[in-house]
PDB file of all heavy atoms in Angstrom:
ATOM      1  N   GLU A   1      90.141  15.522  -9.938  1.00  0.00           N
ATOM      2  CA  GLU A   1      90.539  15.787 -11.303  1.00  0.00           C
ATOM      3  C   GLU A   1      90.968  14.478 -11.999  1.00  0.00           C
ATOM      4  O   GLU A   1      90.766  14.353 -13.236  1.00  0.00           O
ATOM      5  CB  GLU A   1      91.727  16.814 -11.342  1.00  0.00           C
ATOM      6  CG  GLU A   1      91.253  18.222 -11.037  1.00  0.00           C
ATOM      7  CD  GLU A   1      90.222  18.719 -12.071  1.00  0.00           C
ATOM      8  OE1 GLU A   1      90.601  18.945 -13.222  1.00  0.00           O
ATOM      9  OE2 GLU A   1      89.048  18.900 -11.694  1.00  0.00           O
ATOM     10  N   ARG A   2      91.596  13.623 -11.249  1.00  0.00           N
ATOM     11  CA  ARG A   2      91.990  12.333 -11.860  1.00  0.00           C
ATOM     12  C   ARG A   2      90.737  11.512 -12.252  1.00  0.00           C
ATOM     13  O   ARG A   2      90.692  10.884 -13.313  1.00  0.00           O
ATOM     14  CB  ARG A   2      92.867  11.573 -10.883  1.00  0.00           C
ATOM     15  CG  ARG A   2      93.459  10.271 -11.458  1.00  0.00           C
ATOM     16  CD  ARG A   2      94.461   9.648 -10.566  1.00  0.00           C
ATOM     17  NE  ARG A   2      95.034   8.421 -11.111  1.00  0.00           N
ATOM     18  CZ  ARG A   2      96.016   8.326 -11.993  1.00  0.00           C
ATOM     19  NH1 ARG A   2      96.605   9.470 -12.375  1.00  0.00           N
ATOM     20  NH2 ARG A   2      96.479   7.172 -12.469  1.00  0.00           N
ATOM     21  N   ALA A   3      89.718  11.547 -11.389  1.00  0.00           N
ATOM     22  CA  ALA A   3      88.514  10.826 -11.760  1.00  0.00           C
ATOM     23  C   ALA A   3      87.838  11.476 -12.945  1.00  0.00           C
ATOM     24  O   ALA A   3      87.333  10.788 -13.812  1.00  0.00           O
ATOM     25  CB  ALA A   3      87.531  10.833 -10.555  1.00  0.00           C
ATOM     26  N   PHE A   4      87.875  12.819 -12.970  1.00  0.00           N
ATOM     27  CA  PHE A   4      87.272  13.541 -14.081  1.00  0.00           C
ATOM     28  C   PHE A   4      88.034  13.196 -15.363  1.00  0.00           C
ATOM     29  O   PHE A   4      87.405  12.947 -16.434  1.00  0.00           O
ATOM     30  CB  PHE A   4      87.337  15.031 -13.822  1.00  0.00           C
ATOM     31  CG  PHE A   4      86.556  15.860 -14.795  1.00  0.00           C
ATOM     32  CD1 PHE A   4      85.234  16.220 -14.530  1.00  0.00           C
ATOM     33  CD2 PHE A   4      87.114  16.278 -16.031  1.00  0.00           C
ATOM     34  CE1 PHE A   4      84.546  16.974 -15.435  1.00  0.00           C
ATOM     35  CE2 PHE A   4      86.433  17.073 -16.923  1.00  0.00           C
ATOM     36  CZ  PHE A   4      85.121  17.402 -16.599  1.00  0.00           C
ATOM     37  N   ALA A   5      89.383  13.188 -15.290  1.00  0.00           N
ATOM     38  CA  ALA A   5      90.153  12.861 -16.504  1.00  0.00           C
ATOM     39  C   ALA A   5      89.900  11.413 -16.950  1.00  0.00           C
ATOM     40  O   ALA A   5      89.855  11.125 -18.141  1.00  0.00           O
ATOM     41  CB  ALA A   5      91.632  13.044 -16.163  1.00  0.00           C
ATOM     42  N   HIS A   6      89.713  10.529 -15.959  1.00  0.00           N
ATOM     43  CA  HIS A   6      89.505   9.104 -16.311  1.00  0.00           C
ATOM     44  C   HIS A   6      88.180   8.911 -17.081  1.00  0.00           C
ATOM     45  O   HIS A   6      88.103   8.202 -18.092  1.00  0.00           O
ATOM     46  CB  HIS A   6      89.512   8.264 -15.049  1.00  0.00           C
ATOM     47  CG  HIS A   6      89.301   6.786 -15.306  1.00  0.00           C
ATOM     48  ND1 HIS A   6      90.360   5.952 -15.671  1.00  0.00           N
ATOM     49  CD2 HIS A   6      88.173   6.009 -15.309  1.00  0.00           C
ATOM     50  CE1 HIS A   6      89.912   4.739 -15.835  1.00  0.00           C
ATOM     51  NE2 HIS A   6      88.580   4.717 -15.618  1.00  0.00           N
ATOM     52  N   TYR A   7      87.121   9.542 -16.596  1.00  0.00           N
ATOM     53  CA  TYR A   7      85.795   9.306 -17.143  1.00  0.00           C
ATOM     54  C   TYR A   7      85.403  10.264 -18.309  1.00  0.00           C
ATOM     55  O   TYR A   7      84.646   9.900 -19.184  1.00  0.00           O
ATOM     56  CB  TYR A   7      84.738   9.399 -16.036  1.00  0.00           C
ATOM     57  CG  TYR A   7      84.775   8.277 -15.131  1.00  0.00           C
ATOM     58  CD1 TYR A   7      85.201   8.436 -13.800  1.00  0.00           C
ATOM     59  CD2 TYR A   7      84.394   6.970 -15.519  1.00  0.00           C
ATOM     60  CE1 TYR A   7      85.237   7.364 -12.903  1.00  0.00           C
ATOM     61  CE2 TYR A   7      84.458   5.904 -14.644  1.00  0.00           C
ATOM     62  CZ  TYR A   7      84.881   6.103 -13.332  1.00  0.00           C
ATOM     63  OH  TYR A   7      84.913   5.050 -12.451  1.00  0.00           O
ATOM     64  N   LEU A   8      85.994  11.451 -18.304  1.00  0.00           N
ATOM     65  CA  LEU A   8      85.628  12.451 -19.369  1.00  0.00           C
ATOM     66  C   LEU A   8      86.826  12.856 -20.197  1.00  0.00           C
ATOM     67  O   LEU A   8      86.615  13.490 -21.234  1.00  0.00           O
ATOM     68  CB  LEU A   8      84.993  13.680 -18.710  1.00  0.00           C
ATOM     69  CG  LEU A   8      83.570  13.523 -18.256  1.00  0.00           C
ATOM     70  CD1 LEU A   8      83.136  14.685 -17.397  1.00  0.00           C
ATOM     71  CD2 LEU A   8      82.635  13.405 -19.453  1.00  0.00           C
ATOM     72  N   GLY A   9      88.051  12.558 -19.779  1.00  0.00           N
ATOM     73  CA  GLY A   9      89.234  12.785 -20.549  1.00  0.00           C
ATOM     74  C   GLY A   9      89.412  14.256 -20.888  1.00  0.00           C
ATOM     75  O   GLY A   9      89.254  15.152 -20.051  1.00  0.00           O
ATOM     76  N   ASN A  10      89.745  14.528 -22.159  1.00  0.00           N
ATOM     77  CA  ASN A  10      90.033  15.895 -22.598  1.00  0.00           C
ATOM     78  C   ASN A  10      89.204  16.199 -23.844  1.00  0.00           C
ATOM     79  O   ASN A  10      89.633  16.953 -24.689  1.00  0.00           O
ATOM     80  CB  ASN A  10      91.533  16.067 -22.865  1.00  0.00           C
ATOM     81  CG  ASN A  10      91.966  17.532 -22.719  1.00  0.00           C
ATOM     82  OD1 ASN A  10      91.310  18.307 -22.074  1.00  0.00           O
ATOM     83  ND2 ASN A  10      93.107  17.842 -23.364  1.00  0.00           N
ATOM     84  N   GLY A  11      88.028  15.577 -23.910  1.00  0.00           N
ATOM     85  CA  GLY A  11      87.192  15.746 -25.110  1.00  0.00           C
ATOM     86  C   GLY A  11      86.282  16.962 -25.037  1.00  0.00           C
ATOM     87  O   GLY A  11      86.414  17.831 -24.190  1.00  0.00           O
ATOM     88  N   VAL A  12      85.299  16.943 -25.909  1.00  0.00           N
ATOM     89  CA  VAL A  12      84.387  18.087 -26.049  1.00  0.00           C
ATOM     90  C   VAL A  12      83.535  18.314 -24.741  1.00  0.00           C
ATOM     91  O   VAL A  12      83.416  19.392 -24.227  1.00  0.00           O
ATOM     92  CB  VAL A  12      83.471  17.961 -27.237  1.00  0.00           C
ATOM     93  CG1 VAL A  12      82.417  19.081 -27.294  1.00  0.00           C
ATOM     94  CG2 VAL A  12      84.296  17.931 -28.522  1.00  0.00           C
ATOM     95  N   SER A  13      83.002  17.202 -24.220  1.00  0.00           N
ATOM     96  CA  SER A  13      82.158  17.317 -22.986  1.00  0.00           C
ATOM     97  C   SER A  13      82.958  17.828 -21.846  1.00  0.00           C
ATOM     98  O   SER A  13      82.511  18.590 -21.008  1.00  0.00           O
ATOM     99  CB  SER A  13      81.550  15.932 -22.688  1.00  0.00           C
ATOM    100  OG  SER A  13      80.606  15.586 -23.653  1.00  0.00           O
ATOM    101  N   ALA A  14      84.227  17.384 -21.728  1.00  0.00           N
ATOM    102  CA  ALA A  14      85.115  17.893 -20.684  1.00  0.00           C
ATOM    103  C   ALA A  14      85.360  19.363 -20.811  1.00  0.00           C
ATOM    104  O   ALA A  14      85.285  20.134 -19.809  1.00  0.00           O
ATOM    105  CB  ALA A  14      86.453  17.168 -20.678  1.00  0.00           C
ATOM    106  N   ALA A  15      85.620  19.808 -22.029  1.00  0.00           N
ATOM    107  CA  ALA A  15      85.834  21.240 -22.245  1.00  0.00           C
ATOM    108  C   ALA A  15      84.617  22.063 -21.929  1.00  0.00           C
ATOM    109  O   ALA A  15      84.701  23.153 -21.332  1.00  0.00           O
ATOM    110  CB  ALA A  15      86.297  21.475 -23.728  1.00  0.00           C
ATOM    111  N   VAL A  16      83.445  21.579 -22.367  1.00  0.00           N
ATOM    112  CA  VAL A  16      82.222  22.295 -22.118  1.00  0.00           C
ATOM    113  C   VAL A  16      81.942  22.380 -20.610  1.00  0.00           C
ATOM    114  O   VAL A  16      81.530  23.435 -20.081  1.00  0.00           O
ATOM    115  CB  VAL A  16      81.018  21.618 -22.867  1.00  0.00           C
ATOM    116  CG1 VAL A  16      79.699  22.214 -22.410  1.00  0.00           C
ATOM    117  CG2 VAL A  16      81.221  21.727 -24.369  1.00  0.00           C
ATOM    118  N   PHE A  17      82.153  21.235 -19.878  1.00  0.00           N
ATOM    119  CA  PHE A  17      81.906  21.260 -18.452  1.00  0.00           C
ATOM    120  C   PHE A  17      82.837  22.284 -17.759  1.00  0.00           C
ATOM    121  O   PHE A  17      82.357  23.023 -16.883  1.00  0.00           O
ATOM    122  CB  PHE A  17      82.131  19.870 -17.857  1.00  0.00           C
ATOM    123  CG  PHE A  17      81.801  19.792 -16.423  1.00  0.00           C
ATOM    124  CD1 PHE A  17      80.524  19.449 -16.002  1.00  0.00           C
ATOM    125  CD2 PHE A  17      82.747  20.051 -15.448  1.00  0.00           C
ATOM    126  CE1 PHE A  17      80.202  19.342 -14.660  1.00  0.00           C
ATOM    127  CE2 PHE A  17      82.432  19.984 -14.099  1.00  0.00           C
ATOM    128  CZ  PHE A  17      81.148  19.649 -13.701  1.00  0.00           C
ATOM    129  N   LYS A  18      84.116  22.259 -18.130  1.00  0.00           N
ATOM    130  CA  LYS A  18      85.056  23.230 -17.489  1.00  0.00           C
ATOM    131  C   LYS A  18      84.631  24.679 -17.770  1.00  0.00           C
ATOM    132  O   LYS A  18      84.717  25.552 -16.861  1.00  0.00           O
ATOM    133  CB  LYS A  18      86.460  22.994 -18.015  1.00  0.00           C
ATOM    134  CG  LYS A  18      87.041  21.618 -17.697  1.00  0.00           C
ATOM    135  CD  LYS A  18      87.298  21.441 -16.239  1.00  0.00           C
ATOM    136  CE  LYS A  18      88.026  20.138 -15.920  1.00  0.00           C
ATOM    137  NZ  LYS A  18      88.283  19.905 -14.540  1.00  0.00           N
ATOM    138  N   ALA A  19      84.186  24.961 -18.984  1.00  0.00           N
ATOM    139  CA  ALA A  19      83.700  26.290 -19.291  1.00  0.00           C
ATOM    140  C   ALA A  19      82.438  26.624 -18.516  1.00  0.00           C
ATOM    141  O   ALA A  19      82.305  27.729 -17.975  1.00  0.00           O
ATOM    142  CB  ALA A  19      83.457  26.455 -20.761  1.00  0.00           C
ATOM    143  N   ALA A  20      81.547  25.668 -18.432  1.00  0.00           N
ATOM    144  CA  ALA A  20      80.274  25.907 -17.714  1.00  0.00           C
ATOM    145  C   ALA A  20      80.528  26.182 -16.237  1.00  0.00           C
ATOM    146  O   ALA A  20      79.839  26.964 -15.589  1.00  0.00           O
ATOM    147  CB  ALA A  20      79.366  24.685 -17.886  1.00  0.00           C
ATOM    148  N   LEU A  21      81.501  25.509 -15.663  1.00  0.00           N
ATOM    149  CA  LEU A  21      81.827  25.703 -14.246  1.00  0.00           C
ATOM    150  C   LEU A  21      82.413  27.088 -14.032  1.00  0.00           C
ATOM    151  O   LEU A  21      82.187  27.679 -12.959  1.00  0.00           O
ATOM    152  CB  LEU A  21      82.805  24.638 -13.792  1.00  0.00           C
ATOM    153  CG  LEU A  21      83.022  24.503 -12.274  1.00  0.00           C
ATOM    154  CD1 LEU A  21      81.719  24.186 -11.535  1.00  0.00           C
ATOM    155  CD2 LEU A  21      84.048  23.404 -11.992  1.00  0.00           C
ATOM    156  N   ARG A  22      83.119  27.603 -14.988  1.00  0.00           N
ATOM    157  CA  ARG A  22      83.668  28.946 -14.827  1.00  0.00           C
ATOM    158  C   ARG A  22      82.654  30.050 -14.880  1.00  0.00           C
ATOM    159  O   ARG A  22      82.849  31.083 -14.244  1.00  0.00           O
ATOM    160  CB  ARG A  22      84.726  29.182 -15.957  1.00  0.00           C
ATOM    161  CG  ARG A  22      86.070  28.517 -15.732  1.00  0.00           C
ATOM    162  CD  ARG A  22      87.078  29.006 -16.714  1.00  0.00           C
ATOM    163  NE  ARG A  22      88.401  28.568 -16.343  1.00  0.00           N
ATOM    164  CZ  ARG A  22      89.533  29.148 -16.758  1.00  0.00           C
ATOM    165  NH1 ARG A  22      89.443  30.208 -17.512  1.00  0.00           N
ATOM    166  NH2 ARG A  22      90.706  28.685 -16.389  1.00  0.00           N
ATOM    167  N   ILE A  23      81.657  29.853 -15.665  1.00  0.00           N
ATOM    168  CA  ILE A  23      80.699  30.963 -15.840  1.00  0.00           C
ATOM    169  C   ILE A  23      79.990  31.406 -14.539  1.00  0.00           C
ATOM    170  O   ILE A  23      80.016  32.591 -14.213  1.00  0.00           O
ATOM    171  CB  ILE A  23      79.700  30.625 -16.971  1.00  0.00           C
ATOM    172  CG1 ILE A  23      80.413  30.593 -18.317  1.00  0.00           C
ATOM    173  CG2 ILE A  23      78.555  31.643 -17.019  1.00  0.00           C
ATOM    174  CD1 ILE A  23      79.635  30.080 -19.511  1.00  0.00           C
ATOM    175  N   PRO A  24      79.344  30.476 -13.821  1.00  0.00           N
ATOM    176  CA  PRO A  24      78.732  30.955 -12.582  1.00  0.00           C
ATOM    177  C   PRO A  24      79.718  31.233 -11.487  1.00  0.00           C
ATOM    178  O   PRO A  24      79.387  31.886 -10.501  1.00  0.00           O
ATOM    179  CB  PRO A  24      77.821  29.744 -12.162  1.00  0.00           C
ATOM    180  CG  PRO A  24      78.443  28.588 -12.793  1.00  0.00           C
ATOM    181  CD  PRO A  24      79.041  29.069 -14.079  1.00  0.00           C
ATOM    182  N   ASN A  25      80.993  30.825 -11.645  1.00  0.00           N
ATOM    183  CA  ASN A  25      81.993  31.143 -10.655  1.00  0.00           C
ATOM    184  C   ASN A  25      82.263  32.627 -10.499  1.00  0.00           C
ATOM    185  O   ASN A  25      82.894  33.045  -9.520  1.00  0.00           O
ATOM    186  CB  ASN A  25      83.310  30.423 -11.000  1.00  0.00           C
ATOM    187  CG  ASN A  25      83.358  29.068 -10.312  1.00  0.00           C
ATOM    188  OD1 ASN A  25      82.425  28.633  -9.676  1.00  0.00           O
ATOM    189  ND2 ASN A  25      84.452  28.348 -10.534  1.00  0.00           N
ATOM    190  N   PHE A  26      81.792  33.412 -11.481  1.00  0.00           N
ATOM    191  CA  PHE A  26      82.028  34.877 -11.308  1.00  0.00           C
ATOM    192  C   PHE A  26      81.301  35.345 -10.066  1.00  0.00           C
ATOM    193  O   PHE A  26      81.758  36.292  -9.391  1.00  0.00           O
ATOM    194  CB  PHE A  26      81.497  35.614 -12.576  1.00  0.00           C
ATOM    195  CG  PHE A  26      80.044  35.917 -12.562  1.00  0.00           C
ATOM    196  CD1 PHE A  26      79.525  37.039 -11.956  1.00  0.00           C
ATOM    197  CD2 PHE A  26      79.167  35.070 -13.178  1.00  0.00           C
ATOM    198  CE1 PHE A  26      78.173  37.338 -11.972  1.00  0.00           C
ATOM    199  CE2 PHE A  26      77.803  35.310 -13.198  1.00  0.00           C
ATOM    200  CZ  PHE A  26      77.304  36.473 -12.588  1.00  0.00           C
ATOM    201  N   LEU A  27      80.187  34.693  -9.747  1.00  0.00           N
ATOM    202  CA  LEU A  27      79.426  35.089  -8.532  1.00  0.00           C
ATOM    203  C   LEU A  27      80.235  34.767  -7.266  1.00  0.00           C
ATOM    204  O   LEU A  27      80.347  35.634  -6.375  1.00  0.00           O
ATOM    205  CB  LEU A  27      78.114  34.296  -8.467  1.00  0.00           C
ATOM    206  CG  LEU A  27      77.110  34.689  -7.380  1.00  0.00           C
ATOM    207  CD1 LEU A  27      76.721  36.127  -7.565  1.00  0.00           C
ATOM    208  CD2 LEU A  27      75.920  33.735  -7.448  1.00  0.00           C
ATOM    209  N   GLN A  28      80.854  33.606  -7.247  1.00  0.00           N
ATOM    210  CA  GLN A  28      81.705  33.271  -6.095  1.00  0.00           C
ATOM    211  C   GLN A  28      82.923  34.205  -5.985  1.00  0.00           C
ATOM    212  O   GLN A  28      83.285  34.655  -4.897  1.00  0.00           O
ATOM    213  CB  GLN A  28      82.171  31.833  -6.208  1.00  0.00           C
ATOM    214  CG  GLN A  28      83.113  31.397  -5.064  1.00  0.00           C
ATOM    215  CD  GLN A  28      83.694  30.031  -5.330  1.00  0.00           C
ATOM    216  OE1 GLN A  28      83.404  29.401  -6.373  1.00  0.00           O
ATOM    217  NE2 GLN A  28      84.537  29.549  -4.445  1.00  0.00           N
ATOM    218  N   ASN A  29      83.498  34.547  -7.131  1.00  0.00           N
ATOM    219  CA  ASN A  29      84.700  35.380  -7.126  1.00  0.00           C
ATOM    220  C   ASN A  29      84.353  36.836  -6.841  1.00  0.00           C
ATOM    221  O   ASN A  29      85.197  37.579  -6.286  1.00  0.00           O
ATOM    222  CB  ASN A  29      85.446  35.258  -8.441  1.00  0.00           C
ATOM    223  CG  ASN A  29      86.086  33.881  -8.612  1.00  0.00           C
ATOM    224  OD1 ASN A  29      86.697  33.352  -7.717  1.00  0.00           O
ATOM    225  ND2 ASN A  29      85.935  33.294  -9.770  1.00  0.00           N
ATOM    226  N   LEU A  30      83.155  37.273  -7.220  1.00  0.00           N
ATOM    227  CA  LEU A  30      82.747  38.630  -6.946  1.00  0.00           C
ATOM    228  C   LEU A  30      82.416  38.827  -5.488  1.00  0.00           C
ATOM    229  O   LEU A  30      82.781  39.836  -4.859  1.00  0.00           O
ATOM    230  CB  LEU A  30      81.554  39.041  -7.816  1.00  0.00           C
ATOM    231  CG  LEU A  30      81.845  39.483  -9.232  1.00  0.00           C
ATOM    232  CD1 LEU A  30      80.543  39.891  -9.921  1.00  0.00           C
ATOM    233  CD2 LEU A  30      82.812  40.676  -9.258  1.00  0.00           C
ATOM    234  N   PHE A  31      81.687  37.901  -4.914  1.00  0.00           N
ATOM    235  CA  PHE A  31      81.133  38.066  -3.554  1.00  0.00           C
ATOM    236  C   PHE A  31      81.778  37.124  -2.540  1.00  0.00           C
ATOM    237  O   PHE A  31      81.398  37.138  -1.370  1.00  0.00           O
ATOM    238  CB  PHE A  31      79.601  37.815  -3.559  1.00  0.00           C
ATOM    239  CG  PHE A  31      78.834  38.834  -4.290  1.00  0.00           C
ATOM    240  CD1 PHE A  31      77.515  38.606  -4.625  1.00  0.00           C
ATOM    241  CD2 PHE A  31      79.384  40.050  -4.662  1.00  0.00           C
ATOM    242  CE1 PHE A  31      76.763  39.530  -5.294  1.00  0.00           C
ATOM    243  CE2 PHE A  31      78.645  41.004  -5.333  1.00  0.00           C
ATOM    244  CZ  PHE A  31      77.326  40.752  -5.664  1.00  0.00           C
ATOM    245  N   GLY A  32      82.710  36.288  -2.962  1.00  0.00           N
ATOM    246  CA  GLY A  32      83.210  35.254  -2.109  1.00  0.00           C
ATOM    247  C   GLY A  32      84.412  35.618  -1.268  1.00  0.00           C
ATOM    248  O   GLY A  32      84.534  36.782  -0.814  1.00  0.00           O
ATOM    249  N   GLU A  33      85.321  34.672  -1.074  1.00  0.00           N
ATOM    250  CA  GLU A  33      86.368  34.843  -0.110  1.00  0.00           C
ATOM    251  C   GLU A  33      87.241  36.069  -0.346  1.00  0.00           C
ATOM    252  O   GLU A  33      87.584  36.795   0.536  1.00  0.00           O
ATOM    253  CB  GLU A  33      87.264  33.576  -0.091  1.00  0.00           C
ATOM    254  CG  GLU A  33      88.449  33.662   0.857  1.00  0.00           C
ATOM    255  CD  GLU A  33      89.435  32.531   0.653  1.00  0.00           C
ATOM    256  OE1 GLU A  33      89.124  31.578  -0.056  1.00  0.00           O
ATOM    257  OE2 GLU A  33      90.540  32.644   1.191  1.00  0.00           O
ATOM    258  N   GLY A  34      87.631  36.241  -1.651  1.00  0.00           N
ATOM    259  CA  GLY A  34      88.544  37.358  -1.915  1.00  0.00           C
ATOM    260  C   GLY A  34      87.966  38.713  -1.524  1.00  0.00           C
ATOM    261  O   GLY A  34      88.639  39.604  -0.965  1.00  0.00           O
ATOM    262  N   VAL A  35      86.669  38.894  -1.804  1.00  0.00           N
ATOM    263  CA  VAL A  35      86.024  40.173  -1.489  1.00  0.00           C
ATOM    264  C   VAL A  35      85.786  40.330   0.037  1.00  0.00           C
ATOM    265  O   VAL A  35      86.049  41.383   0.618  1.00  0.00           O
ATOM    266  CB  VAL A  35      84.685  40.287  -2.247  1.00  0.00           C
ATOM    267  CG1 VAL A  35      83.931  41.515  -1.742  1.00  0.00           C
ATOM    268  CG2 VAL A  35      84.950  40.415  -3.729  1.00  0.00           C
ATOM    269  N   LEU A  36      85.333  39.233   0.656  1.00  0.00           N
ATOM    270  CA  LEU A  36      85.102  39.351   2.125  1.00  0.00           C
ATOM    271  C   LEU A  36      86.418  39.485   2.877  1.00  0.00           C
ATOM    272  O   LEU A  36      86.484  40.129   3.923  1.00  0.00           O
ATOM    273  CB  LEU A  36      84.364  38.068   2.577  1.00  0.00           C
ATOM    274  CG  LEU A  36      82.930  37.936   2.063  1.00  0.00           C
ATOM    275  CD1 LEU A  36      82.321  36.654   2.512  1.00  0.00           C
ATOM    276  CD2 LEU A  36      82.047  39.102   2.518  1.00  0.00           C
ATOM    277  N   SER A  37      87.518  38.936   2.327  1.00  0.00           N
ATOM    278  CA  SER A  37      88.792  39.114   2.978  1.00  0.00           C
ATOM    279  C   SER A  37      89.252  40.555   2.954  1.00  0.00           C
ATOM    280  O   SER A  37      89.943  41.031   3.809  1.00  0.00           O
ATOM    281  CB  SER A  37      89.889  38.236   2.300  1.00  0.00           C
ATOM    282  OG  SER A  37      89.556  36.868   2.485  1.00  0.00           O
ATOM    283  N   GLY A  38      88.878  41.246   1.885  1.00  0.00           N
ATOM    284  CA  GLY A  38      89.253  42.649   1.769  1.00  0.00           C
ATOM    285  C   GLY A  38      88.315  43.662   2.398  1.00  0.00           C
ATOM    286  O   GLY A  38      88.714  44.804   2.602  1.00  0.00           O
ATOM    287  N   SER A  39      87.116  43.248   2.753  1.00  0.00           N
ATOM    288  CA  SER A  39      86.123  44.194   3.259  1.00  0.00           C
ATOM    289  C   SER A  39      85.579  43.815   4.622  1.00  0.00           C
ATOM    290  O   SER A  39      85.604  44.590   5.567  1.00  0.00           O
ATOM    291  CB  SER A  39      84.962  44.332   2.261  1.00  0.00           C
ATOM    292  OG  SER A  39      84.350  43.059   2.015  1.00  0.00           O
ATOM    293  N   PHE A  40      85.128  42.551   4.765  1.00  0.00           N
ATOM    294  CA  PHE A  40      84.489  42.125   6.024  1.00  0.00           C
ATOM    295  C   PHE A  40      85.480  41.805   7.113  1.00  0.00           C
ATOM    296  O   PHE A  40      85.337  42.262   8.216  1.00  0.00           O
ATOM    297  CB  PHE A  40      83.602  40.921   5.691  1.00  0.00           C
ATOM    298  CG  PHE A  40      83.015  40.253   6.877  1.00  0.00           C
ATOM    299  CD1 PHE A  40      82.262  40.937   7.784  1.00  0.00           C
ATOM    300  CD2 PHE A  40      83.235  38.887   7.097  1.00  0.00           C
ATOM    301  CE1 PHE A  40      81.730  40.290   8.923  1.00  0.00           C
ATOM    302  CE2 PHE A  40      82.714  38.238   8.198  1.00  0.00           C
ATOM    303  CZ  PHE A  40      81.944  38.944   9.127  1.00  0.00           C
TER     304      PHE A  40
END
C-alpha cells in the first residue's frame, strides 16, 4: 500500500484501480475462504 500510495497517490487512477479490484473480488468472497470455512 505504501508503494501504491507513492506511485499512484490518491488521484483518479488510484480510485479507479481500487474500485476495479473490488468488482471481481465478489467471486473470491462468494466462493472463497469465508464460504469454504462455513461449508467445507
